[in-house]
Amino acid sequence: MTAETTTLDLGPQTRVLTRLADGVREDRLADPTPCPGLAVRNLLGHLTGLAVAFRDAARKDLGPTTNTSPEASVPDVGPGWREELAAALGELAEAWRDPEAWTGMTRAGGIDLPGEVAGTVVADELVIHGWDLARATGQEYSPDAAALRAAHGLLAAAAEESERDQGMFGPVVAVPADAPLLERAVGLSGRDPDWTRTV
C-alpha cells in the first residue's frame, strides 16, 4: 500500500444503514424514494446487491457479483431482507478493513477501478442511499462523519471534472455554500435536499 493510500472504516456507516433498515415498516416498502423509479423495496434490494458486490470487490473475488451493472435490472427484496441486508453490510465493512482491499485494481458494476477508488465509491453509495432511505421512510439521519467527508470529496471532484453542473448521477442541484455538508453532498449527487415523501 502506498503512503498516499487512505483507508476508511465503513463499519460506522454500515451500522447506521442497518439501523435505518430496522426502522422500515413493511407497509412502507412500496413508497417512493428520492431515487427515480425506485420504491423503498427496490432501494433496499439495491443496497443489498451493492453491499455484496463491493464486498467481493474488496476481496478481489471478481465474478458475477462484480461484473453486473446496477442498471441491469430493478432490484427487489424477499421475506428475509432485513437479515440479508444486515449480514451483507457487516461483511462489506469487514472486507474493507483489510488494507489489501485498498490496493491494486478491482471491479464493481462491471467497471475496473483502483481499490482505493472503489472504497470511496462504496462510502458514497452508503451515505447517499442512507439519506434516500431515511427521507423515504421518515427517519432521522446522521451519517458517519468520515464516510460523509469521503462521499462529498468524491462527488465534488466528479462535478469539477465533468461538464458544467453535471455530477456523477445527474445534474447537480444547487445548494448554498454554507449549507451542512450532508445537504451539499446530496445536491452534488443530483438530489434535492428538500425532497419529502408524498404519501
N, C-alpha and C. Protein backbone atom coordinates (compact mmCIF):
# COMPACT_ATOMS: atom_id res chain seq x y z
N MET A 1 0.85 -1.18 0.00
CA MET A 1 0.00 0.00 0.00
C MET A 1 0.89 1.24 0.00
N THR A 2 0.59 2.21 -0.88
CA THR A 2 1.41 3.39 -0.97
C THR A 2 1.14 4.32 0.20
N ALA A 3 2.07 5.25 0.40
CA ALA A 3 1.92 6.19 1.50
C ALA A 3 0.69 7.07 1.30
N GLU A 4 0.29 7.27 0.03
CA GLU A 4 -0.84 8.15 -0.24
C GLU A 4 -2.20 7.45 -0.05
N THR A 5 -2.20 6.14 0.01
CA THR A 5 -3.44 5.41 0.12
C THR A 5 -4.10 5.66 1.48
N THR A 6 -5.37 6.04 1.44
CA THR A 6 -6.11 6.30 2.66
C THR A 6 -7.22 5.28 2.79
N THR A 7 -7.28 4.61 3.93
CA THR A 7 -8.35 3.66 4.16
C THR A 7 -9.42 4.30 5.04
N LEU A 8 -10.59 3.70 5.03
CA LEU A 8 -11.73 4.22 5.76
C LEU A 8 -12.49 3.05 6.36
N ASP A 9 -12.82 3.15 7.63
CA ASP A 9 -13.63 2.12 8.27
C ASP A 9 -15.09 2.35 7.91
N LEU A 10 -15.66 1.45 7.14
CA LEU A 10 -17.06 1.57 6.72
C LEU A 10 -18.04 1.08 7.78
N GLY A 11 -17.52 0.48 8.84
CA GLY A 11 -18.39 -0.08 9.87
C GLY A 11 -19.38 0.91 10.47
N PRO A 12 -18.94 2.11 10.88
CA PRO A 12 -19.91 3.06 11.44
C PRO A 12 -21.06 3.39 10.48
N GLN A 13 -20.77 3.56 9.20
CA GLN A 13 -21.83 3.89 8.25
C GLN A 13 -22.71 2.69 7.96
N THR A 14 -22.14 1.49 7.88
CA THR A 14 -23.00 0.32 7.66
C THR A 14 -23.92 0.09 8.86
N ARG A 15 -23.46 0.42 10.05
CA ARG A 15 -24.34 0.29 11.23
C ARG A 15 -25.48 1.31 11.18
N VAL A 16 -25.20 2.50 10.68
CA VAL A 16 -26.26 3.50 10.51
C VAL A 16 -27.31 2.97 9.55
N LEU A 17 -26.88 2.38 8.45
CA LEU A 17 -27.81 1.83 7.47
C LEU A 17 -28.61 0.67 8.04
N THR A 18 -27.97 -0.19 8.81
CA THR A 18 -28.69 -1.31 9.41
C THR A 18 -29.78 -0.79 10.34
N ARG A 19 -29.48 0.25 11.11
CA ARG A 19 -30.48 0.84 11.99
C ARG A 19 -31.65 1.42 11.19
N LEU A 20 -31.33 2.11 10.11
CA LEU A 20 -32.39 2.66 9.27
C LEU A 20 -33.27 1.55 8.69
N ALA A 21 -32.64 0.48 8.21
CA ALA A 21 -33.40 -0.63 7.65
C ALA A 21 -34.31 -1.27 8.70
N ASP A 22 -33.81 -1.36 9.93
CA ASP A 22 -34.64 -1.92 11.00
C ASP A 22 -35.87 -1.07 11.26
N GLY A 23 -35.79 0.23 10.94
CA GLY A 23 -36.91 1.13 11.18
C GLY A 23 -37.91 1.20 10.04
N VAL A 24 -37.70 0.44 8.98
CA VAL A 24 -38.61 0.45 7.84
C VAL A 24 -39.80 -0.45 8.12
N ARG A 25 -41.00 0.10 8.03
CA ARG A 25 -42.21 -0.69 8.22
C ARG A 25 -42.55 -1.43 6.93
N GLU A 26 -43.08 -2.63 7.09
CA GLU A 26 -43.41 -3.44 5.92
C GLU A 26 -44.43 -2.75 5.02
N ASP A 27 -45.32 -1.96 5.60
CA ASP A 27 -46.34 -1.30 4.78
C ASP A 27 -45.80 -0.07 4.05
N ARG A 28 -44.50 0.20 4.21
CA ARG A 28 -43.88 1.32 3.52
C ARG A 28 -42.97 0.87 2.38
N LEU A 29 -42.91 -0.42 2.12
CA LEU A 29 -41.99 -0.93 1.11
C LEU A 29 -42.31 -0.45 -0.30
N ALA A 30 -43.56 -0.10 -0.56
CA ALA A 30 -43.95 0.36 -1.89
C ALA A 30 -43.87 1.87 -2.03
N ASP A 31 -43.48 2.58 -0.97
CA ASP A 31 -43.41 4.04 -1.02
C ASP A 31 -42.29 4.51 -1.96
N PRO A 32 -42.43 5.71 -2.53
CA PRO A 32 -41.38 6.25 -3.40
C PRO A 32 -40.16 6.68 -2.61
N THR A 33 -39.06 6.82 -3.31
CA THR A 33 -37.81 7.30 -2.72
C THR A 33 -37.26 8.44 -3.58
N PRO A 34 -36.23 9.14 -3.12
CA PRO A 34 -35.61 10.16 -3.98
C PRO A 34 -34.94 9.59 -5.22
N CYS A 35 -34.77 8.27 -5.30
CA CYS A 35 -34.21 7.62 -6.49
C CYS A 35 -35.32 7.41 -7.51
N PRO A 36 -35.30 8.10 -8.64
CA PRO A 36 -36.37 7.97 -9.63
C PRO A 36 -36.63 6.52 -10.03
N GLY A 37 -37.88 6.12 -9.96
CA GLY A 37 -38.27 4.79 -10.38
C GLY A 37 -38.03 3.69 -9.36
N LEU A 38 -37.48 4.02 -8.20
CA LEU A 38 -37.23 3.01 -7.18
C LEU A 38 -38.11 3.23 -5.96
N ALA A 39 -38.89 2.22 -5.61
CA ALA A 39 -39.63 2.25 -4.35
C ALA A 39 -38.68 1.84 -3.23
N VAL A 40 -39.15 1.95 -2.00
CA VAL A 40 -38.31 1.59 -0.86
C VAL A 40 -37.78 0.17 -0.99
N ARG A 41 -38.64 -0.77 -1.41
CA ARG A 41 -38.20 -2.16 -1.52
C ARG A 41 -37.09 -2.31 -2.55
N ASN A 42 -37.15 -1.54 -3.63
CA ASN A 42 -36.11 -1.60 -4.66
C ASN A 42 -34.81 -0.98 -4.17
N LEU A 43 -34.92 0.10 -3.39
CA LEU A 43 -33.73 0.72 -2.81
C LEU A 43 -33.05 -0.24 -1.84
N LEU A 44 -33.83 -0.92 -1.03
CA LEU A 44 -33.27 -1.90 -0.10
C LEU A 44 -32.60 -3.05 -0.87
N GLY A 45 -33.23 -3.48 -1.96
CA GLY A 45 -32.63 -4.52 -2.78
C GLY A 45 -31.33 -4.05 -3.42
N HIS A 46 -31.31 -2.78 -3.84
CA HIS A 46 -30.08 -2.21 -4.40
C HIS A 46 -28.98 -2.17 -3.36
N LEU A 47 -29.32 -1.76 -2.15
CA LEU A 47 -28.33 -1.70 -1.07
C LEU A 47 -27.74 -3.09 -0.79
N THR A 48 -28.60 -4.10 -0.79
CA THR A 48 -28.12 -5.46 -0.55
C THR A 48 -27.17 -5.89 -1.66
N GLY A 49 -27.58 -5.63 -2.90
CA GLY A 49 -26.74 -6.02 -4.03
C GLY A 49 -25.41 -5.29 -4.07
N LEU A 50 -25.43 -3.99 -3.77
CA LEU A 50 -24.16 -3.26 -3.82
C LEU A 50 -23.25 -3.66 -2.67
N ALA A 51 -23.85 -4.01 -1.51
CA ALA A 51 -23.03 -4.47 -0.38
C ALA A 51 -22.30 -5.76 -0.76
N VAL A 52 -22.99 -6.67 -1.42
CA VAL A 52 -22.37 -7.93 -1.85
C VAL A 52 -21.31 -7.66 -2.92
N ALA A 53 -21.65 -6.80 -3.89
CA ALA A 53 -20.72 -6.52 -4.98
C ALA A 53 -19.44 -5.87 -4.48
N PHE A 54 -19.57 -4.88 -3.60
CA PHE A 54 -18.38 -4.19 -3.11
C PHE A 54 -17.64 -5.00 -2.05
N ARG A 55 -18.33 -5.90 -1.38
CA ARG A 55 -17.63 -6.87 -0.52
C ARG A 55 -16.69 -7.72 -1.36
N ASP A 56 -17.24 -8.23 -2.47
CA ASP A 56 -16.42 -9.07 -3.34
C ASP A 56 -15.33 -8.26 -4.04
N ALA A 57 -15.62 -6.99 -4.34
CA ALA A 57 -14.59 -6.13 -4.94
C ALA A 57 -13.43 -5.94 -3.96
N ALA A 58 -13.74 -5.78 -2.68
CA ALA A 58 -12.69 -5.64 -1.68
C ALA A 58 -11.84 -6.89 -1.60
N ARG A 59 -12.48 -8.04 -1.71
CA ARG A 59 -11.78 -9.33 -1.62
C ARG A 59 -11.08 -9.68 -2.92
N LYS A 60 -11.29 -8.89 -3.98
CA LYS A 60 -10.80 -9.20 -5.33
C LYS A 60 -11.37 -10.53 -5.82
N ASP A 61 -12.58 -10.83 -5.36
CA ASP A 61 -13.29 -12.04 -5.75
C ASP A 61 -14.20 -11.68 -6.93
N LEU A 62 -13.58 -11.53 -8.10
CA LEU A 62 -14.29 -11.00 -9.25
C LEU A 62 -15.09 -12.08 -9.96
N GLY A 63 -16.31 -11.71 -10.34
CA GLY A 63 -17.21 -12.66 -10.98
C GLY A 63 -18.56 -12.02 -11.21
N PRO A 64 -19.64 -12.80 -11.20
CA PRO A 64 -20.98 -12.27 -11.49
C PRO A 64 -21.38 -11.09 -10.61
N THR A 65 -21.02 -11.12 -9.32
CA THR A 65 -21.46 -10.04 -8.44
C THR A 65 -20.76 -8.73 -8.75
N THR A 66 -19.54 -8.78 -9.27
CA THR A 66 -18.80 -7.55 -9.57
C THR A 66 -18.88 -7.15 -11.04
N ASN A 67 -19.35 -8.05 -11.88
CA ASN A 67 -19.40 -7.78 -13.32
C ASN A 67 -20.71 -7.16 -13.77
N THR A 68 -21.74 -7.24 -12.96
CA THR A 68 -23.08 -6.83 -13.37
C THR A 68 -23.32 -5.36 -13.09
N SER A 69 -23.78 -4.64 -14.11
CA SER A 69 -24.11 -3.23 -13.94
C SER A 69 -25.34 -3.09 -13.05
N PRO A 70 -25.38 -2.08 -12.16
CA PRO A 70 -26.55 -1.89 -11.30
C PRO A 70 -27.81 -1.55 -12.09
N GLU A 71 -27.63 -1.10 -13.35
CA GLU A 71 -28.80 -0.79 -14.17
C GLU A 71 -29.34 -2.00 -14.91
N ALA A 72 -28.73 -3.16 -14.70
CA ALA A 72 -29.13 -4.35 -15.46
C ALA A 72 -30.55 -4.79 -15.13
N SER A 73 -31.01 -4.55 -13.90
CA SER A 73 -32.35 -4.95 -13.51
C SER A 73 -32.80 -4.10 -12.33
N VAL A 74 -34.10 -4.12 -12.05
CA VAL A 74 -34.63 -3.42 -10.90
C VAL A 74 -34.57 -4.38 -9.71
N PRO A 75 -33.81 -4.06 -8.68
CA PRO A 75 -33.65 -4.98 -7.55
C PRO A 75 -34.91 -5.02 -6.69
N ASP A 76 -35.04 -6.07 -5.93
CA ASP A 76 -36.18 -6.23 -5.03
C ASP A 76 -35.70 -6.98 -3.80
N VAL A 77 -36.59 -7.13 -2.82
CA VAL A 77 -36.25 -7.85 -1.60
C VAL A 77 -37.23 -9.00 -1.39
N GLY A 78 -36.76 -10.00 -0.65
CA GLY A 78 -37.60 -11.13 -0.30
C GLY A 78 -38.00 -11.08 1.16
N PRO A 79 -38.61 -12.16 1.66
CA PRO A 79 -39.12 -12.17 3.04
C PRO A 79 -38.05 -11.92 4.10
N GLY A 80 -36.83 -12.40 3.88
CA GLY A 80 -35.79 -12.24 4.90
C GLY A 80 -34.85 -11.09 4.63
N TRP A 81 -35.37 -10.02 4.04
CA TRP A 81 -34.50 -8.94 3.58
C TRP A 81 -33.74 -8.24 4.70
N ARG A 82 -34.34 -8.11 5.88
CA ARG A 82 -33.64 -7.40 6.96
C ARG A 82 -32.36 -8.14 7.36
N GLU A 83 -32.49 -9.43 7.56
CA GLU A 83 -31.33 -10.23 7.95
C GLU A 83 -30.30 -10.28 6.81
N GLU A 84 -30.78 -10.41 5.58
CA GLU A 84 -29.89 -10.49 4.43
C GLU A 84 -29.10 -9.20 4.28
N LEU A 85 -29.78 -8.05 4.40
CA LEU A 85 -29.10 -6.76 4.26
C LEU A 85 -28.11 -6.54 5.39
N ALA A 86 -28.52 -6.84 6.61
CA ALA A 86 -27.62 -6.65 7.76
C ALA A 86 -26.36 -7.50 7.62
N ALA A 87 -26.53 -8.75 7.18
CA ALA A 87 -25.38 -9.63 7.00
C ALA A 87 -24.46 -9.11 5.91
N ALA A 88 -25.04 -8.67 4.79
CA ALA A 88 -24.22 -8.17 3.68
C ALA A 88 -23.47 -6.91 4.07
N LEU A 89 -24.11 -6.03 4.81
CA LEU A 89 -23.43 -4.80 5.25
C LEU A 89 -22.30 -5.11 6.23
N GLY A 90 -22.52 -6.06 7.11
CA GLY A 90 -21.47 -6.45 8.05
C GLY A 90 -20.27 -7.05 7.33
N GLU A 91 -20.54 -7.89 6.34
CA GLU A 91 -19.45 -8.50 5.57
C GLU A 91 -18.72 -7.45 4.73
N LEU A 92 -19.47 -6.47 4.21
CA LEU A 92 -18.87 -5.39 3.45
C LEU A 92 -17.85 -4.62 4.30
N ALA A 93 -18.30 -4.21 5.49
CA ALA A 93 -17.41 -3.44 6.37
C ALA A 93 -16.17 -4.24 6.73
N GLU A 94 -16.35 -5.52 7.01
CA GLU A 94 -15.22 -6.36 7.40
C GLU A 94 -14.23 -6.52 6.24
N ALA A 95 -14.75 -6.69 5.03
CA ALA A 95 -13.88 -6.87 3.87
C ALA A 95 -13.01 -5.64 3.63
N TRP A 96 -13.56 -4.45 3.85
CA TRP A 96 -12.81 -3.23 3.60
C TRP A 96 -11.89 -2.85 4.75
N ARG A 97 -11.91 -3.61 5.84
CA ARG A 97 -10.94 -3.39 6.92
C ARG A 97 -9.57 -4.00 6.58
N ASP A 98 -9.54 -4.83 5.55
CA ASP A 98 -8.27 -5.40 5.09
C ASP A 98 -7.54 -4.35 4.27
N PRO A 99 -6.35 -3.91 4.69
CA PRO A 99 -5.63 -2.89 3.92
C PRO A 99 -5.42 -3.27 2.46
N GLU A 100 -5.35 -4.58 2.18
CA GLU A 100 -5.13 -5.02 0.80
C GLU A 100 -6.32 -4.67 -0.10
N ALA A 101 -7.49 -4.48 0.50
CA ALA A 101 -8.67 -4.13 -0.30
C ALA A 101 -8.48 -2.79 -1.01
N TRP A 102 -7.68 -1.93 -0.39
CA TRP A 102 -7.49 -0.57 -0.89
C TRP A 102 -6.33 -0.47 -1.89
N THR A 103 -5.72 -1.59 -2.23
CA THR A 103 -4.58 -1.58 -3.14
C THR A 103 -4.93 -2.27 -4.45
N GLY A 104 -4.10 -2.03 -5.46
CA GLY A 104 -4.28 -2.73 -6.73
C GLY A 104 -5.58 -2.35 -7.42
N MET A 105 -5.95 -3.17 -8.39
CA MET A 105 -7.16 -2.95 -9.16
C MET A 105 -8.24 -3.93 -8.74
N THR A 106 -9.49 -3.53 -8.92
CA THR A 106 -10.61 -4.42 -8.66
C THR A 106 -11.72 -4.08 -9.65
N ARG A 107 -12.90 -4.59 -9.42
CA ARG A 107 -14.02 -4.33 -10.34
C ARG A 107 -15.32 -4.25 -9.55
N ALA A 108 -16.19 -3.33 -9.96
CA ALA A 108 -17.53 -3.23 -9.37
C ALA A 108 -18.46 -2.65 -10.42
N GLY A 109 -19.66 -3.21 -10.51
CA GLY A 109 -20.60 -2.73 -11.51
C GLY A 109 -20.12 -2.90 -12.93
N GLY A 110 -19.20 -3.87 -13.13
CA GLY A 110 -18.66 -4.11 -14.45
C GLY A 110 -17.57 -3.14 -14.86
N ILE A 111 -17.11 -2.30 -13.93
CA ILE A 111 -16.10 -1.29 -14.22
C ILE A 111 -14.83 -1.60 -13.43
N ASP A 112 -13.69 -1.63 -14.12
CA ASP A 112 -12.41 -1.81 -13.45
C ASP A 112 -11.96 -0.48 -12.85
N LEU A 113 -11.50 -0.51 -11.61
CA LEU A 113 -11.07 0.72 -10.94
C LEU A 113 -10.12 0.38 -9.80
N PRO A 114 -9.28 1.33 -9.39
CA PRO A 114 -8.37 1.07 -8.28
C PRO A 114 -9.13 0.77 -6.99
N GLY A 115 -8.53 -0.06 -6.15
CA GLY A 115 -9.18 -0.42 -4.89
C GLY A 115 -9.52 0.79 -4.05
N GLU A 116 -8.60 1.76 -4.02
CA GLU A 116 -8.84 2.95 -3.21
C GLU A 116 -10.05 3.73 -3.70
N VAL A 117 -10.22 3.79 -5.01
CA VAL A 117 -11.38 4.48 -5.58
C VAL A 117 -12.65 3.71 -5.28
N ALA A 118 -12.60 2.39 -5.40
CA ALA A 118 -13.77 1.57 -5.11
C ALA A 118 -14.23 1.75 -3.67
N GLY A 119 -13.27 1.83 -2.75
CA GLY A 119 -13.64 2.03 -1.35
C GLY A 119 -14.33 3.36 -1.12
N THR A 120 -13.88 4.39 -1.82
CA THR A 120 -14.51 5.70 -1.70
C THR A 120 -15.89 5.71 -2.36
N VAL A 121 -16.01 5.02 -3.48
CA VAL A 121 -17.30 4.93 -4.18
C VAL A 121 -18.33 4.26 -3.28
N VAL A 122 -17.97 3.17 -2.64
CA VAL A 122 -18.96 2.49 -1.80
C VAL A 122 -19.31 3.33 -0.58
N ALA A 123 -18.35 4.09 -0.05
CA ALA A 123 -18.67 5.01 1.04
C ALA A 123 -19.73 6.01 0.59
N ASP A 124 -19.55 6.54 -0.61
CA ASP A 124 -20.52 7.48 -1.18
C ASP A 124 -21.88 6.82 -1.34
N GLU A 125 -21.90 5.62 -1.87
CA GLU A 125 -23.17 4.90 -2.05
C GLU A 125 -23.90 4.72 -0.71
N LEU A 126 -23.15 4.36 0.31
CA LEU A 126 -23.75 4.12 1.62
C LEU A 126 -24.29 5.41 2.23
N VAL A 127 -23.57 6.50 2.05
CA VAL A 127 -24.02 7.78 2.61
C VAL A 127 -25.25 8.31 1.89
N ILE A 128 -25.18 8.36 0.56
CA ILE A 128 -26.29 8.95 -0.20
C ILE A 128 -27.53 8.07 -0.14
N HIS A 129 -27.36 6.76 -0.27
CA HIS A 129 -28.54 5.89 -0.19
C HIS A 129 -29.09 5.82 1.23
N GLY A 130 -28.23 6.07 2.22
CA GLY A 130 -28.74 6.19 3.58
C GLY A 130 -29.69 7.37 3.69
N TRP A 131 -29.30 8.48 3.08
CA TRP A 131 -30.18 9.65 3.04
C TRP A 131 -31.47 9.34 2.30
N ASP A 132 -31.36 8.66 1.14
CA ASP A 132 -32.55 8.26 0.38
C ASP A 132 -33.51 7.47 1.27
N LEU A 133 -32.98 6.48 1.96
CA LEU A 133 -33.81 5.60 2.77
C LEU A 133 -34.44 6.35 3.93
N ALA A 134 -33.65 7.20 4.58
CA ALA A 134 -34.18 7.96 5.71
C ALA A 134 -35.30 8.89 5.26
N ARG A 135 -35.09 9.59 4.16
CA ARG A 135 -36.11 10.51 3.67
C ARG A 135 -37.38 9.76 3.25
N ALA A 136 -37.20 8.64 2.58
CA ALA A 136 -38.35 7.89 2.09
C ALA A 136 -39.19 7.29 3.22
N THR A 137 -38.56 7.03 4.35
CA THR A 137 -39.27 6.35 5.45
C THR A 137 -39.47 7.25 6.66
N GLY A 138 -39.16 8.53 6.53
CA GLY A 138 -39.43 9.47 7.60
C GLY A 138 -38.58 9.30 8.85
N GLN A 139 -37.31 8.92 8.66
CA GLN A 139 -36.43 8.70 9.81
C GLN A 139 -35.34 9.77 9.87
N GLU A 140 -34.86 10.01 11.09
CA GLU A 140 -33.73 10.92 11.26
C GLU A 140 -32.46 10.26 10.70
N TYR A 141 -31.54 11.09 10.21
CA TYR A 141 -30.35 10.54 9.58
C TYR A 141 -29.12 11.34 9.95
N SER A 142 -28.14 10.67 10.53
CA SER A 142 -26.85 11.26 10.84
C SER A 142 -25.78 10.30 10.35
N PRO A 143 -25.27 10.51 9.15
CA PRO A 143 -24.26 9.59 8.61
C PRO A 143 -22.96 9.70 9.38
N ASP A 144 -22.14 8.67 9.25
CA ASP A 144 -20.80 8.71 9.83
C ASP A 144 -20.02 9.86 9.21
N ALA A 145 -19.36 10.65 10.06
CA ALA A 145 -18.70 11.87 9.58
C ALA A 145 -17.59 11.58 8.57
N ALA A 146 -16.79 10.55 8.82
CA ALA A 146 -15.69 10.23 7.91
C ALA A 146 -16.21 9.77 6.55
N ALA A 147 -17.25 8.94 6.55
CA ALA A 147 -17.84 8.48 5.29
C ALA A 147 -18.46 9.64 4.54
N LEU A 148 -19.09 10.55 5.27
CA LEU A 148 -19.70 11.73 4.63
C LEU A 148 -18.63 12.60 3.97
N ARG A 149 -17.51 12.83 4.65
CA ARG A 149 -16.44 13.63 4.06
C ARG A 149 -15.91 12.96 2.79
N ALA A 150 -15.76 11.64 2.82
CA ALA A 150 -15.27 10.92 1.64
C ALA A 150 -16.27 11.03 0.49
N ALA A 151 -17.56 10.90 0.81
CA ALA A 151 -18.59 10.99 -0.22
C ALA A 151 -18.61 12.38 -0.84
N HIS A 152 -18.57 13.40 0.00
CA HIS A 152 -18.59 14.77 -0.52
C HIS A 152 -17.37 15.04 -1.40
N GLY A 153 -16.20 14.57 -0.97
CA GLY A 153 -15.00 14.77 -1.76
C GLY A 153 -15.09 14.12 -3.12
N LEU A 154 -15.60 12.91 -3.16
CA LEU A 154 -15.75 12.19 -4.43
C LEU A 154 -16.73 12.91 -5.35
N LEU A 155 -17.88 13.31 -4.81
CA LEU A 155 -18.91 13.95 -5.62
C LEU A 155 -18.45 15.32 -6.11
N ALA A 156 -17.76 16.06 -5.25
CA ALA A 156 -17.28 17.39 -5.65
C ALA A 156 -16.24 17.27 -6.76
N ALA A 157 -15.34 16.31 -6.63
CA ALA A 157 -14.32 16.12 -7.66
C ALA A 157 -14.96 15.70 -8.99
N ALA A 158 -15.97 14.84 -8.93
CA ALA A 158 -16.64 14.39 -10.15
C ALA A 158 -17.34 15.56 -10.83
N ALA A 159 -17.96 16.43 -10.04
CA ALA A 159 -18.66 17.59 -10.61
C ALA A 159 -17.67 18.55 -11.26
N GLU A 160 -16.50 18.71 -10.66
CA GLU A 160 -15.48 19.61 -11.21
C GLU A 160 -14.91 19.08 -12.52
N GLU A 161 -14.78 17.77 -12.61
CA GLU A 161 -14.14 17.16 -13.78
C GLU A 161 -15.09 16.97 -14.95
N SER A 162 -16.40 17.01 -14.69
CA SER A 162 -17.38 16.76 -15.75
C SER A 162 -17.87 18.08 -16.33
N GLU A 163 -18.86 17.97 -17.19
CA GLU A 163 -19.43 19.18 -17.78
C GLU A 163 -20.05 20.04 -16.68
N ARG A 164 -20.20 21.30 -16.98
CA ARG A 164 -20.74 22.26 -16.01
C ARG A 164 -22.05 21.75 -15.42
N ASP A 165 -22.13 21.78 -14.09
CA ASP A 165 -23.34 21.41 -13.35
C ASP A 165 -23.76 19.97 -13.57
N GLN A 166 -22.82 19.12 -13.96
CA GLN A 166 -23.15 17.70 -14.17
C GLN A 166 -22.35 16.87 -13.18
N GLY A 167 -23.05 16.14 -12.30
CA GLY A 167 -22.38 15.31 -11.31
C GLY A 167 -22.31 13.86 -11.73
N MET A 168 -21.93 12.99 -10.79
CA MET A 168 -21.80 11.56 -11.09
C MET A 168 -23.13 10.94 -11.48
N PHE A 169 -24.22 11.43 -10.86
CA PHE A 169 -25.51 10.77 -11.02
C PHE A 169 -26.55 11.66 -11.67
N GLY A 170 -26.12 12.73 -12.33
CA GLY A 170 -27.07 13.61 -12.99
C GLY A 170 -26.78 15.06 -12.67
N PRO A 171 -27.65 15.96 -13.13
CA PRO A 171 -27.44 17.39 -12.91
C PRO A 171 -27.35 17.72 -11.42
N VAL A 172 -26.36 18.53 -11.07
CA VAL A 172 -26.19 18.95 -9.68
C VAL A 172 -27.33 19.86 -9.27
N VAL A 173 -27.84 19.68 -8.07
CA VAL A 173 -28.86 20.56 -7.51
C VAL A 173 -28.15 21.62 -6.68
N ALA A 174 -28.37 22.88 -7.01
CA ALA A 174 -27.68 23.98 -6.33
C ALA A 174 -28.06 24.02 -4.85
N VAL A 175 -27.05 24.09 -4.01
CA VAL A 175 -27.22 24.16 -2.56
C VAL A 175 -26.33 25.28 -2.04
N PRO A 176 -26.80 26.09 -1.09
CA PRO A 176 -25.96 27.18 -0.57
C PRO A 176 -24.61 26.67 -0.08
N ALA A 177 -23.58 27.48 -0.31
CA ALA A 177 -22.22 27.07 0.06
C ALA A 177 -22.06 26.87 1.55
N ASP A 178 -22.92 27.53 2.36
CA ASP A 178 -22.82 27.40 3.80
C ASP A 178 -23.80 26.36 4.36
N ALA A 179 -24.42 25.58 3.48
CA ALA A 179 -25.34 24.53 3.93
C ALA A 179 -24.54 23.42 4.60
N PRO A 180 -25.19 22.61 5.45
CA PRO A 180 -24.49 21.48 6.06
C PRO A 180 -23.88 20.56 5.00
N LEU A 181 -22.79 19.90 5.36
CA LEU A 181 -22.05 19.06 4.41
C LEU A 181 -22.95 18.00 3.79
N LEU A 182 -23.84 17.40 4.56
CA LEU A 182 -24.73 16.37 4.01
C LEU A 182 -25.60 16.95 2.91
N GLU A 183 -26.16 18.13 3.12
CA GLU A 183 -27.01 18.74 2.09
C GLU A 183 -26.20 19.04 0.83
N ARG A 184 -24.95 19.49 1.01
CA ARG A 184 -24.12 19.77 -0.16
C ARG A 184 -23.80 18.48 -0.92
N ALA A 185 -23.54 17.40 -0.19
CA ALA A 185 -23.29 16.11 -0.85
C ALA A 185 -24.52 15.62 -1.58
N VAL A 186 -25.67 15.75 -0.95
CA VAL A 186 -26.93 15.33 -1.58
C VAL A 186 -27.17 16.12 -2.86
N GLY A 187 -26.93 17.44 -2.83
CA GLY A 187 -27.09 18.24 -4.03
C GLY A 187 -26.14 17.83 -5.13
N LEU A 188 -24.89 17.55 -4.76
CA LEU A 188 -23.91 17.10 -5.75
C LEU A 188 -24.28 15.75 -6.36
N SER A 189 -25.06 14.96 -5.63
CA SER A 189 -25.48 13.65 -6.15
C SER A 189 -26.67 13.76 -7.09
N GLY A 190 -27.17 14.99 -7.29
CA GLY A 190 -28.29 15.19 -8.20
C GLY A 190 -29.64 15.10 -7.52
N ARG A 191 -29.65 15.16 -6.19
CA ARG A 191 -30.91 15.09 -5.44
C ARG A 191 -31.23 16.44 -4.82
N ASP A 192 -32.50 16.66 -4.59
CA ASP A 192 -32.95 17.87 -3.92
C ASP A 192 -32.95 17.62 -2.42
N PRO A 193 -32.13 18.34 -1.65
CA PRO A 193 -32.09 18.11 -0.21
C PRO A 193 -33.44 18.34 0.48
N ASP A 194 -34.36 19.05 -0.20
CA ASP A 194 -35.67 19.32 0.39
C ASP A 194 -36.71 18.26 0.02
N TRP A 195 -36.25 17.20 -0.66
CA TRP A 195 -37.20 16.14 -1.07
C TRP A 195 -37.92 15.58 0.15
N THR A 196 -39.24 15.42 0.02
CA THR A 196 -40.03 14.77 1.07
C THR A 196 -40.97 13.78 0.42
N ARG A 197 -41.32 12.76 1.15
CA ARG A 197 -42.23 11.76 0.58
C ARG A 197 -43.63 12.37 0.47
N THR A 198 -44.36 11.92 -0.51
CA THR A 198 -45.67 12.50 -0.81
C THR A 198 -46.80 11.58 -0.40
N VAL A 199 -46.51 10.50 0.30
CA VAL A 199 -47.56 9.56 0.71
C VAL A 199 -47.58 9.48 2.22
